[in-house]
Amino acid sequence: MPLFALICRDVPGMLETRLAVREKHLDWLGKSAGVTLAGPFIEDGKPIGSLLIVEGDSLDAVRDWAAGDPYAQAGVFGSVEICEWRKVIG
């Protein structure tokens, strides 16, 4: 199954919303099949976005899945870039 990288950038000023929704986001990720890696981008010690590596059937399937992320639904993400990714090292 192909891997996809999701590069999610937060809307400035959404830190409180991000923190309020964090547990729902983590629970959703934990229940999602195919999540290989996930974690926040950090700036000045604070999260400003997320990087996820997930398995999926297609770009469209991953795009649909990503729309269900509680962060996305709460408006935390200002942009989400999704592209197929191939692991070479690690």
C-alpha atoms as a PDB file:
ATOM      1  CA  MET A   1       0.000   0.000   0.000  1.00  0.00           C
ATOM      2  CA  PRO A   2       1.429   3.437  -0.873  1.00  0.00           C
ATOM      3  CA  LEU A   3       2.627   5.868   1.780  1.00  0.00           C
ATOM      4  CA  PHE A   4       1.573   9.510   1.866  1.00  0.00           C
ATOM      5  CA  ALA A   5       3.057  12.511   3.649  1.00  0.00           C
ATOM      6  CA  LEU A   6       0.674  15.089   5.060  1.00  0.00           C
ATOM      7  CA  ILE A   7       2.205  18.474   5.804  1.00  0.00           C
ATOM      8  CA  CYS A   8      -0.288  20.459   7.824  1.00  0.00           C
ATOM      9  CA  ARG A   9       0.302  24.112   8.751  1.00  0.00           C
ATOM     10  CA  ASP A  10      -1.706  25.744  11.513  1.00  0.00           C
ATOM     11  CA  VAL A  11      -3.613  28.976  11.113  1.00  0.00           C
ATOM     12  CA  PRO A  12      -1.767  31.585  13.209  1.00  0.00           C
ATOM     13  CA  GLY A  13      -3.416  32.142  16.569  1.00  0.00           C
ATOM     14  CA  MET A  14      -4.988  28.666  16.802  1.00  0.00           C
ATOM     15  CA  LEU A  15      -2.808  27.322  19.624  1.00  0.00           C
ATOM     16  CA  GLU A  16      -5.631  27.353  22.198  1.00  0.00           C
ATOM     17  CA  THR A  17      -7.944  25.511  19.814  1.00  0.00           C
ATOM     18  CA  ARG A  18      -5.188  23.013  18.970  1.00  0.00           C
ATOM     19  CA  LEU A  19      -4.616  22.290  22.655  1.00  0.00           C
ATOM     20  CA  ALA A  20      -8.351  22.003  23.357  1.00  0.00           C
ATOM     21  CA  VAL A  21      -8.824  19.455  20.534  1.00  0.00           C
ATOM     22  CA  ARG A  22      -5.536  17.570  21.073  1.00  0.00           C
ATOM     23  CA  GLU A  23      -6.978  14.554  22.920  1.00  0.00           C
ATOM     24  CA  LYS A  24      -9.654  14.026  20.244  1.00  0.00           C
ATOM     25  CA  HIS A  25      -6.970  14.301  17.555  1.00  0.00           C
ATOM     26  CA  LEU A  26      -4.706  11.757  19.282  1.00  0.00           C
ATOM     27  CA  ASP A  27      -7.612   9.368  19.876  1.00  0.00           C
ATOM     28  CA  TRP A  28      -8.651   9.640  16.212  1.00  0.00           C
ATOM     29  CA  LEU A  29      -5.082   8.958  15.055  1.00  0.00           C
ATOM     30  CA  GLY A  30      -4.791   6.002  17.439  1.00  0.00           C
ATOM     31  CA  LYS A  31      -7.923   4.435  15.971  1.00  0.00           C
ATOM     32  CA  SER A  32      -6.881   5.064  12.361  1.00  0.00           C
ATOM     33  CA  ALA A  33      -5.321   2.180  10.483  1.00  0.00           C
ATOM     34  CA  GLY A  34      -2.251   3.036   8.459  1.00  0.00           C
ATOM     35  CA  VAL A  35      -0.774   5.838  10.565  1.00  0.00           C
ATOM     36  CA  THR A  36       2.978   5.192  10.469  1.00  0.00           C
ATOM     37  CA  LEU A  37       4.378   8.410  11.975  1.00  0.00           C
ATOM     38  CA  ALA A  38       2.815  11.558  13.341  1.00  0.00           C
ATOM     39  CA  GLY A  39       3.963  14.597  15.251  1.00  0.00           C
ATOM     40  CA  PRO A  40       3.919  18.392  15.429  1.00  0.00           C
ATOM     41  CA  PHE A  41       6.156  20.974  13.839  1.00  0.00           C
ATOM     42  CA  ILE A  42       7.611  23.156  16.604  1.00  0.00           C
ATOM     43  CA  GLU A  43       8.534  26.836  16.623  1.00  0.00           C
ATOM     44  CA  ASP A  44       9.670  28.618  19.774  1.00  0.00           C
ATOM     45  CA  GLY A  45       8.640  25.531  21.763  1.00  0.00           C
ATOM     46  CA  LYS A  46       5.038  25.573  20.492  1.00  0.00           C
ATOM     47  CA  PRO A  47       3.282  23.415  17.885  1.00  0.00           C
ATOM     48  CA  ILE A  48       2.617  25.164  14.581  1.00  0.00           C
ATOM     49  CA  GLY A  49       1.513  22.270  12.401  1.00  0.00           C
ATOM     50  CA  SER A  50       1.738  18.519  11.923  1.00  0.00           C
ATOM     51  CA  LEU A  51       3.566  15.951   9.836  1.00  0.00           C
ATOM     52  CA  LEU A  52       1.906  12.582   9.272  1.00  0.00           C
ATOM     53  CA  ILE A  53       3.044   9.584   7.263  1.00  0.00           C
ATOM     54  CA  VAL A  54       0.131   7.276   6.484  1.00  0.00           C
ATOM     55  CA  GLU A  55      -0.637   4.282   4.314  1.00  0.00           C
ATOM     56  CA  GLY A  56      -3.562   4.652   1.974  1.00  0.00           C
ATOM     57  CA  ASP A  57      -5.179   3.212  -1.116  1.00  0.00           C
ATOM     58  CA  SER A  58      -4.981   6.476  -3.068  1.00  0.00           C
ATOM     59  CA  LEU A  59      -4.427  10.206  -2.772  1.00  0.00           C
ATOM     60  CA  ASP A  60      -8.194  10.748  -2.802  1.00  0.00           C
ATOM     61  CA  ALA A  61      -8.713   8.199  -0.009  1.00  0.00           C
ATOM     62  CA  VAL A  62      -6.072   9.879   2.149  1.00  0.00           C
ATOM     63  CA  ARG A  63      -7.515  13.315   1.392  1.00  0.00           C
ATOM     64  CA  ASP A  64     -10.962  12.097   2.523  1.00  0.00           C
ATOM     65  CA  TRP A  65      -9.454  10.521   5.648  1.00  0.00           C
ATOM     66  CA  ALA A  66      -7.537  13.710   6.508  1.00  0.00           C
ATOM     67  CA  ALA A  67     -10.746  15.757   6.348  1.00  0.00           C
ATOM     68  CA  GLY A  68     -11.960  13.773   9.376  1.00  0.00           C
ATOM     69  CA  ASP A  69      -9.038  14.868  11.568  1.00  0.00           C
ATOM     70  CA  PRO A  70     -10.419  16.760  14.575  1.00  0.00           C
ATOM     71  CA  TYR A  71      -7.792  19.462  13.999  1.00  0.00           C
ATOM     72  CA  ALA A  72      -9.024  19.924  10.426  1.00  0.00           C
ATOM     73  CA  GLN A  73     -12.648  19.969  11.548  1.00  0.00           C
ATOM     74  CA  ALA A  74     -11.877  22.567  14.250  1.00  0.00           C
ATOM     75  CA  GLY A  75     -10.195  24.849  11.702  1.00  0.00           C
ATOM     76  CA  VAL A  76      -6.705  24.480  13.177  1.00  0.00           C
ATOM     77  CA  PHE A  77      -5.065  23.745   9.826  1.00  0.00           C
ATOM     78  CA  GLY A  78      -4.701  26.589   7.372  1.00  0.00           C
ATOM     79  CA  SER A  79      -3.222  24.297   4.751  1.00  0.00           C
ATOM     80  CA  VAL A  80      -2.765  20.572   4.203  1.00  0.00           C
ATOM     81  CA  GLU A  81      -0.407  19.301   1.523  1.00  0.00           C
ATOM     82  CA  ILE A  82      -0.645  15.589   0.726  1.00  0.00           C
ATOM     83  CA  CYS A  83       1.751  13.783  -1.560  1.00  0.00           C
ATOM     84  CA  GLU A  84       2.788  10.206  -2.143  1.00  0.00           C
ATOM     85  CA  TRP A  85       6.000   9.409  -0.278  1.00  0.00           C
ATOM     86  CA  ARG A  86       8.474   6.563  -0.550  1.00  0.00           C
ATOM     87  CA  LYS A  87      10.559   5.402   2.409  1.00  0.00           C
ATOM     88  CA  VAL A  88      14.191   4.846   1.434  1.00  0.00           C
ATOM     89  CA  ILE A  89      16.123   4.998   4.723  1.00  0.00           C
ATOM     90  CA  GLY A  90      15.042   4.130   8.246  1.00  0.00           C
END
